Amino acid sequence: PPQSRLPIPFDVVWLMADWGLKNGYQTVVLHMLLNFMLYLRPSEALGLRLKDVIPPRPGAYRNWSVILHPLELSKSSKTAEYDETLELDLNYHRSLGIGLGHYLKRRRGNPDEMFFTHRLQDLHKFMDTAGEALNLQAVKTLHPYRLRHGGASHDFQKGLRDLAAVQLRGRWKSQASVRRYQKGGRLAQLFAALPRSVQTQAELAAANLHTTLSNRR
């Protein structure tokens, strides 16, 4: 549907994350934030094993990294690729790294176990529930695919990545495909459509998410 191609603004994602952490949706919130920050297709994170989410190490491996579609599982990406590695390499990603660290400490066990145990429908239902609770109707239907578009649009609009870097991270084959996702004006338009009180709550949630994730163990 056309609305599934609209980006979700950065502060709106953070507002949903803050609400979810306070209402018992910690695991689904991690899934949502991974999809946004790594520009993932909705179900890709559900294919991760515990050993595919790799903490930082001293020296060359300073960032959290994620390995998608490992070759040994013989299941390629949508574009027929294997071993696609993505890093949480920006300053605003540090909050998610803290959350992932807490989660992995709780999930110690067989490294071949699935990282997430919920279904894609659970993420979709969470976003619907959070949208209703937070009065986010003005940003349209909160489909998980919009997280991919939102992350790409946010990073491009803020000058955190150029178009080529966004294309590489999102694993789009052509630059023409990428341009559909660079909708910075749409981000501002969607956010401006929210009630002023909701905008304030979203901005506050974005400012405090690092602390919120740090305190959730």
C-alpha atoms as a PDB file:
ATOM      1  CA  PRO A   1       0.000   0.000   0.000  1.00  0.00           C
ATOM      2  CA  PRO A   2       1.240   3.550  -0.734  1.00  0.00           C
ATOM      3  CA  GLN A   3       1.195   4.492   2.970  1.00  0.00           C
ATOM      4  CA  SER A   4       3.655   1.677   3.755  1.00  0.00           C
ATOM      5  CA  ARG A   5       6.279   3.580   1.734  1.00  0.00           C
ATOM      6  CA  LEU A   6       6.077   6.726   3.864  1.00  0.00           C
ATOM      7  CA  PRO A   7       8.899   7.125   6.409  1.00  0.00           C
ATOM      8  CA  ILE A   8       8.195   7.228  10.129  1.00  0.00           C
ATOM      9  CA  PRO A   9       9.834  10.287  11.735  1.00  0.00           C
ATOM     10  CA  PHE A  10      12.744   9.690  14.105  1.00  0.00           C
ATOM     11  CA  ASP A  11      11.049  11.215  17.158  1.00  0.00           C
ATOM     12  CA  VAL A  12       7.884   9.179  16.586  1.00  0.00           C
ATOM     13  CA  VAL A  13       9.876   5.926  16.606  1.00  0.00           C
ATOM     14  CA  TRP A  14      11.517   7.010  19.840  1.00  0.00           C
ATOM     15  CA  LEU A  15       8.171   7.881  21.391  1.00  0.00           C
ATOM     16  CA  MET A  16       6.834   4.402  20.551  1.00  0.00           C
ATOM     17  CA  ALA A  17      10.024   2.850  21.938  1.00  0.00           C
ATOM     18  CA  ASP A  18       9.729   4.792  25.192  1.00  0.00           C
ATOM     19  CA  TRP A  19       6.070   3.770  25.566  1.00  0.00           C
ATOM     20  CA  GLY A  20       6.900   0.147  24.751  1.00  0.00           C
ATOM     21  CA  LEU A  21       9.729  -0.083  27.277  1.00  0.00           C
ATOM     22  CA  LYS A  22       7.443   1.253  29.983  1.00  0.00           C
ATOM     23  CA  ASN A  23       4.658  -1.191  29.077  1.00  0.00           C
ATOM     24  CA  GLY A  24       6.498  -4.511  28.864  1.00  0.00           C
ATOM     25  CA  TYR A  25       7.407  -4.656  25.157  1.00  0.00           C
ATOM     26  CA  GLN A  26      11.194  -4.648  25.573  1.00  0.00           C
ATOM     27  CA  THR A  27      11.970  -7.334  23.000  1.00  0.00           C
ATOM     28  CA  VAL A  28       9.663  -5.946  20.327  1.00  0.00           C
ATOM     29  CA  VAL A  29      11.119  -2.480  20.899  1.00  0.00           C
ATOM     30  CA  LEU A  30      14.623  -3.839  20.185  1.00  0.00           C
ATOM     31  CA  HIS A  31      13.276  -5.348  16.956  1.00  0.00           C
ATOM     32  CA  MET A  32      11.680  -2.042  15.960  1.00  0.00           C
ATOM     33  CA  LEU A  33      14.849  -0.049  16.645  1.00  0.00           C
ATOM     34  CA  LEU A  34      17.032  -2.535  14.753  1.00  0.00           C
ATOM     35  CA  ASN A  35      14.748  -2.248  11.735  1.00  0.00           C
ATOM     36  CA  PHE A  36      14.952   1.553  11.847  1.00  0.00           C
ATOM     37  CA  MET A  37      18.697   1.898  12.415  1.00  0.00           C
ATOM     38  CA  LEU A  38      19.805  -0.849  10.023  1.00  0.00           C
ATOM     39  CA  TYR A  39      17.133  -0.176   7.334  1.00  0.00           C
ATOM     40  CA  LEU A  40      15.972  -3.792   7.625  1.00  0.00           C
ATOM     41  CA  ARG A  41      13.112  -5.375   5.763  1.00  0.00           C
ATOM     42  CA  PRO A  42      10.355  -6.188   8.294  1.00  0.00           C
ATOM     43  CA  SER A  43      11.157  -9.851   8.950  1.00  0.00           C
ATOM     44  CA  GLU A  44      14.954  -9.861   8.507  1.00  0.00           C
ATOM     45  CA  ALA A  45      15.741  -9.422  12.198  1.00  0.00           C
ATOM     46  CA  LEU A  46      13.619 -12.475  12.982  1.00  0.00           C
ATOM     47  CA  GLY A  47      16.147 -14.633  11.121  1.00  0.00           C
ATOM     48  CA  LEU A  48      19.003 -13.622  13.447  1.00  0.00           C
ATOM     49  CA  ARG A  49      20.586 -16.150  15.778  1.00  0.00           C
ATOM     50  CA  LEU A  50      22.168 -15.118  19.067  1.00  0.00           C
ATOM     51  CA  LYS A  51      25.620 -15.456  17.507  1.00  0.00           C
ATOM     52  CA  ASP A  52      24.663 -13.206  14.584  1.00  0.00           C
ATOM     53  CA  VAL A  53      24.435 -10.160  16.905  1.00  0.00           C
ATOM     54  CA  ILE A  54      28.033  -9.375  17.804  1.00  0.00           C
ATOM     55  CA  PRO A  55      29.086  -7.032  20.646  1.00  0.00           C
ATOM     56  CA  PRO A  56      31.958  -4.562  20.239  1.00  0.00           C
ATOM     57  CA  ARG A  57      35.523  -5.667  20.936  1.00  0.00           C
ATOM     58  CA  PRO A  58      38.622  -3.608  21.787  1.00  0.00           C
ATOM     59  CA  GLY A  59      40.582  -2.631  18.722  1.00  0.00           C
ATOM     60  CA  ALA A  60      39.171  -2.894  15.228  1.00  0.00           C
ATOM     61  CA  TYR A  61      35.656  -4.064  16.181  1.00  0.00           C
ATOM     62  CA  ARG A  62      34.360  -1.015  18.009  1.00  0.00           C
ATOM     63  CA  ASN A  63      30.698  -1.217  16.962  1.00  0.00           C
ATOM     64  CA  TRP A  64      27.875  -3.659  17.422  1.00  0.00           C
ATOM     65  CA  SER A  65      27.435  -5.648  14.220  1.00  0.00           C
ATOM     66  CA  VAL A  66      24.738  -7.885  12.784  1.00  0.00           C
ATOM     67  CA  ILE A  67      25.160 -10.643  10.202  1.00  0.00           C
ATOM     68  CA  LEU A  68      22.131 -11.192   7.969  1.00  0.00           C
ATOM     69  CA  HIS A  69      21.494 -14.286   5.850  1.00  0.00           C
ATOM     70  CA  PRO A  70      24.560 -16.323   6.903  1.00  0.00           C
ATOM     71  CA  LEU A  71      25.773 -18.569   4.143  1.00  0.00           C
ATOM     72  CA  GLU A  72      25.587 -21.754   6.213  1.00  0.00           C
ATOM     73  CA  LEU A  73      21.808 -21.425   6.524  1.00  0.00           C
ATOM     74  CA  SER A  74      21.431 -21.402   2.711  1.00  0.00           C
ATOM     75  CA  LYS A  75      18.738 -18.718   2.771  1.00  0.00           C
ATOM     76  CA  SER A  76      19.701 -15.618   0.819  1.00  0.00           C
ATOM     77  CA  SER A  77      18.350 -12.092   1.044  1.00  0.00           C
ATOM     78  CA  LYS A  78      15.712 -10.684  -1.279  1.00  0.00           C
ATOM     79  CA  THR A  79      18.546  -9.650  -3.592  1.00  0.00           C
ATOM     80  CA  ALA A  80      20.210 -13.104  -3.480  1.00  0.00           C
ATOM     81  CA  GLU A  81      23.037 -12.067  -1.120  1.00  0.00           C
ATOM     82  CA  TYR A  82      24.587 -13.854   1.868  1.00  0.00           C
ATOM     83  CA  ASP A  83      26.592 -12.722   4.916  1.00  0.00           C
ATOM     84  CA  GLU A  84      25.393  -9.125   4.764  1.00  0.00           C
ATOM     85  CA  THR A  85      27.037  -7.341   7.707  1.00  0.00           C
ATOM     86  CA  LEU A  86      25.705  -4.093   9.139  1.00  0.00           C
ATOM     87  CA  GLU A  87      27.079  -2.029  12.023  1.00  0.00           C
ATOM     88  CA  LEU A  88      25.525   0.271  14.591  1.00  0.00           C
ATOM     89  CA  ASP A  89      28.075   2.925  13.724  1.00  0.00           C
ATOM     90  CA  LEU A  90      26.422   6.275  14.459  1.00  0.00           C
ATOM     91  CA  ASN A  91      26.294   8.166  17.734  1.00  0.00           C
ATOM     92  CA  TYR A  92      22.533   7.817  18.119  1.00  0.00           C
ATOM     93  CA  HIS A  93      22.899   4.026  17.765  1.00  0.00           C
ATOM     94  CA  ARG A  94      24.652   3.757  21.139  1.00  0.00           C
ATOM     95  CA  SER A  95      21.340   3.541  22.971  1.00  0.00           C
ATOM     96  CA  LEU A  96      20.342   0.423  21.079  1.00  0.00           C
ATOM     97  CA  GLY A  97      23.753  -1.131  21.756  1.00  0.00           C
ATOM     98  CA  ILE A  98      23.099  -0.796  25.480  1.00  0.00           C
ATOM     99  CA  GLY A  99      19.696  -2.442  25.091  1.00  0.00           C
ATOM    100  CA  LEU A 100      21.146  -5.296  23.050  1.00  0.00           C
ATOM    101  CA  GLY A 101      23.823  -5.856  25.686  1.00  0.00           C
ATOM    102  CA  HIS A 102      21.236  -6.195  28.456  1.00  0.00           C
ATOM    103  CA  TYR A 103      19.171  -8.542  26.310  1.00  0.00           C
ATOM    104  CA  LEU A 104      22.099 -10.828  25.471  1.00  0.00           C
ATOM    105  CA  LYS A 105      22.984 -11.155  29.156  1.00  0.00           C
ATOM    106  CA  ARG A 106      19.471 -12.462  29.798  1.00  0.00           C
ATOM    107  CA  ARG A 107      19.593 -14.801  26.795  1.00  0.00           C
ATOM    108  CA  ARG A 108      22.822 -16.663  27.556  1.00  0.00           C
ATOM    109  CA  GLY A 109      22.563 -20.110  26.026  1.00  0.00           C
ATOM    110  CA  ASN A 110      22.964 -21.931  22.753  1.00  0.00           C
ATOM    111  CA  PRO A 111      24.401 -19.395  20.260  1.00  0.00           C
ATOM    112  CA  ASP A 112      22.387 -21.052  17.476  1.00  0.00           C
ATOM    113  CA  GLU A 113      19.083 -20.137  19.141  1.00  0.00           C
ATOM    114  CA  MET A 114      17.013 -17.435  17.479  1.00  0.00           C
ATOM    115  CA  PHE A 115      17.717 -13.946  18.772  1.00  0.00           C
ATOM    116  CA  PHE A 116      14.034 -12.999  18.735  1.00  0.00           C
ATOM    117  CA  THR A 117      11.265 -15.461  19.535  1.00  0.00           C
ATOM    118  CA  HIS A 118       8.223 -13.345  18.644  1.00  0.00           C
ATOM    119  CA  ARG A 119       6.536 -13.102  15.243  1.00  0.00           C
ATOM    120  CA  LEU A 120       6.342 -10.257  12.748  1.00  0.00           C
ATOM    121  CA  GLN A 121       2.667  -9.929  13.598  1.00  0.00           C
ATOM    122  CA  ASP A 122       3.699  -9.042  17.168  1.00  0.00           C
ATOM    123  CA  LEU A 123       5.738  -6.074  15.932  1.00  0.00           C
ATOM    124  CA  HIS A 124       2.882  -4.940  13.710  1.00  0.00           C
ATOM    125  CA  LYS A 125       0.379  -5.270  16.570  1.00  0.00           C
ATOM    126  CA  PHE A 126       2.686  -3.373  18.930  1.00  0.00           C
ATOM    127  CA  MET A 127       3.010  -0.484  16.490  1.00  0.00           C
ATOM    128  CA  ASP A 128      -0.774  -0.340  16.054  1.00  0.00           C
ATOM    129  CA  THR A 129      -1.318  -0.410  19.827  1.00  0.00           C
ATOM    130  CA  ALA A 130       1.337   2.218  20.510  1.00  0.00           C
ATOM    131  CA  GLY A 131      -0.021   4.443  17.739  1.00  0.00           C
ATOM    132  CA  GLU A 132      -3.499   4.319  19.234  1.00  0.00           C
ATOM    133  CA  ALA A 133      -2.277   4.911  22.794  1.00  0.00           C
ATOM    134  CA  LEU A 134      -0.039   7.815  21.792  1.00  0.00           C
ATOM    135  CA  ASN A 135      -2.446   9.558  19.401  1.00  0.00           C
ATOM    136  CA  LEU A 136      -0.233   9.046  16.333  1.00  0.00           C
ATOM    137  CA  GLN A 137      -3.042   8.763  13.786  1.00  0.00           C
ATOM    138  CA  ALA A 138      -1.738  11.771  11.857  1.00  0.00           C
ATOM    139  CA  VAL A 139       1.352   9.841  10.705  1.00  0.00           C
ATOM    140  CA  LYS A 140      -0.881   7.264   8.959  1.00  0.00           C
ATOM    141  CA  THR A 141      -0.805   3.465   9.271  1.00  0.00           C
ATOM    142  CA  LEU A 142       2.270   2.371  11.214  1.00  0.00           C
ATOM    143  CA  HIS A 143       3.442  -0.511   9.039  1.00  0.00           C
ATOM    144  CA  PRO A 144       6.820  -2.122   9.971  1.00  0.00           C
ATOM    145  CA  TYR A 145       8.152  -1.516   6.440  1.00  0.00           C
ATOM    146  CA  ARG A 146       8.019   2.205   7.152  1.00  0.00           C
ATOM    147  CA  LEU A 147      10.836   1.780   9.682  1.00  0.00           C
ATOM    148  CA  ARG A 148      13.228   0.948   6.823  1.00  0.00           C
ATOM    149  CA  HIS A 149      12.197   4.087   4.973  1.00  0.00           C
ATOM    150  CA  GLY A 150      12.291   6.177   8.145  1.00  0.00           C
ATOM    151  CA  GLY A 151      15.853   5.205   9.052  1.00  0.00           C
ATOM    152  CA  ALA A 152      17.160   5.878   5.551  1.00  0.00           C
ATOM    153  CA  SER A 153      15.339   9.208   5.296  1.00  0.00           C
ATOM    154  CA  HIS A 154      16.481  10.333   8.748  1.00  0.00           C
ATOM    155  CA  ASP A 155      20.150   9.568   8.148  1.00  0.00           C
ATOM    156  CA  PHE A 156      20.137  11.235   4.729  1.00  0.00           C
ATOM    157  CA  GLN A 157      18.258  14.307   5.894  1.00  0.00           C
ATOM    158  CA  LYS A 158      20.583  14.823   8.882  1.00  0.00           C
ATOM    159  CA  GLY A 159      23.692  14.433   6.712  1.00  0.00           C
ATOM    160  CA  LEU A 160      24.778  11.275   8.544  1.00  0.00           C
ATOM    161  CA  ARG A 161      25.113   9.330   5.263  1.00  0.00           C
ATOM    162  CA  ASP A 162      25.187  10.350   1.626  1.00  0.00           C
ATOM    163  CA  LEU A 163      22.999   8.692  -0.983  1.00  0.00           C
ATOM    164  CA  ALA A 164      25.634   6.096  -1.890  1.00  0.00           C
ATOM    165  CA  ALA A 165      26.100   5.083   1.763  1.00  0.00           C
ATOM    166  CA  VAL A 166      22.343   4.821   2.270  1.00  0.00           C
ATOM    167  CA  GLN A 167      22.079   2.642  -0.829  1.00  0.00           C
ATOM    168  CA  LEU A 168      24.847   0.346   0.403  1.00  0.00           C
ATOM    169  CA  ARG A 169      23.396   0.039   3.892  1.00  0.00           C
ATOM    170  CA  GLY A 170      19.877  -0.577   2.627  1.00  0.00           C
ATOM    171  CA  ARG A 171      21.197  -3.047   0.034  1.00  0.00           C
ATOM    172  CA  TRP A 172      19.261  -1.430  -2.787  1.00  0.00           C
ATOM    173  CA  LYS A 173      20.493  -2.407  -6.231  1.00  0.00           C
ATOM    174  CA  SER A 174      19.918   0.923  -7.965  1.00  0.00           C
ATOM    175  CA  GLN A 175      20.156   4.570  -6.971  1.00  0.00           C
ATOM    176  CA  ALA A 176      16.721   5.122  -8.488  1.00  0.00           C
ATOM    177  CA  SER A 177      15.302   2.760  -5.873  1.00  0.00           C
ATOM    178  CA  VAL A 178      17.026   4.647  -3.077  1.00  0.00           C
ATOM    179  CA  ARG A 179      15.638   8.016  -4.080  1.00  0.00           C
ATOM    180  CA  ARG A 180      12.136   6.816  -3.232  1.00  0.00           C
ATOM    181  CA  TYR A 181      13.218   6.594   0.397  1.00  0.00           C
ATOM    182  CA  GLN A 182      14.857   9.996   0.742  1.00  0.00           C
ATOM    183  CA  LYS A 183      11.742  11.846   1.797  1.00  0.00           C
ATOM    184  CA  GLY A 184      13.055  14.374   4.253  1.00  0.00           C
ATOM    185  CA  GLY A 185      10.235  16.785   3.497  1.00  0.00           C
ATOM    186  CA  ARG A 186       7.761  14.030   4.252  1.00  0.00           C
ATOM    187  CA  LEU A 187       9.333  13.532   7.673  1.00  0.00           C
ATOM    188  CA  ALA A 188       8.769  17.177   8.561  1.00  0.00           C
ATOM    189  CA  GLN A 189       5.243  17.139   7.122  1.00  0.00           C
ATOM    190  CA  LEU A 190       4.199  14.023   9.026  1.00  0.00           C
ATOM    191  CA  PHE A 191       5.679  15.242  12.294  1.00  0.00           C
ATOM    192  CA  ALA A 192       4.061  18.671  11.907  1.00  0.00           C
ATOM    193  CA  ALA A 193       0.655  16.999  11.485  1.00  0.00           C
ATOM    194  CA  LEU A 194       0.803  15.614  15.033  1.00  0.00           C
ATOM    195  CA  PRO A 195      -0.804  17.540  17.897  1.00  0.00           C
ATOM    196  CA  ARG A 196       1.690  19.881  19.515  1.00  0.00           C
ATOM    197  CA  SER A 197       1.497  17.977  22.804  1.00  0.00           C
ATOM    198  CA  VAL A 198       2.462  14.741  21.031  1.00  0.00           C
ATOM    199  CA  GLN A 199       5.362  16.472  19.273  1.00  0.00           C
ATOM    200  CA  THR A 200       6.663  17.613  22.667  1.00  0.00           C
ATOM    201  CA  GLN A 201       6.346  14.116  24.122  1.00  0.00           C
ATOM    202  CA  ALA A 202       8.174  12.640  21.122  1.00  0.00           C
ATOM    203  CA  GLU A 203      11.035  15.132  21.352  1.00  0.00           C
ATOM    204  CA  LEU A 204      11.376  14.422  25.072  1.00  0.00           C
ATOM    205  CA  ALA A 205      11.369  10.660  24.472  1.00  0.00           C
ATOM    206  CA  ALA A 206      14.125  11.014  21.861  1.00  0.00           C
ATOM    207  CA  ALA A 207      16.227  13.086  24.249  1.00  0.00           C
ATOM    208  CA  ASN A 208      15.838  10.555  27.067  1.00  0.00           C
ATOM    209  CA  LEU A 209      15.922   7.199  25.257  1.00  0.00           C
ATOM    210  CA  HIS A 210      19.593   6.565  26.028  1.00  0.00           C
ATOM    211  CA  THR A 211      18.806   6.776  29.756  1.00  0.00           C
ATOM    212  CA  THR A 212      15.611   4.778  29.370  1.00  0.00           C
ATOM    213  CA  LEU A 213      17.363   1.893  27.589  1.00  0.00           C
ATOM    214  CA  SER A 214      20.268   2.000  30.026  1.00  0.00           C
ATOM    215  CA  ASN A 215      17.905   1.449  32.938  1.00  0.00           C
ATOM    216  CA  ARG A 216      16.008  -1.474  31.359  1.00  0.00           C
ATOM    217  CA  ARG A 217      17.756  -4.734  32.226  1.00  0.00           C
END
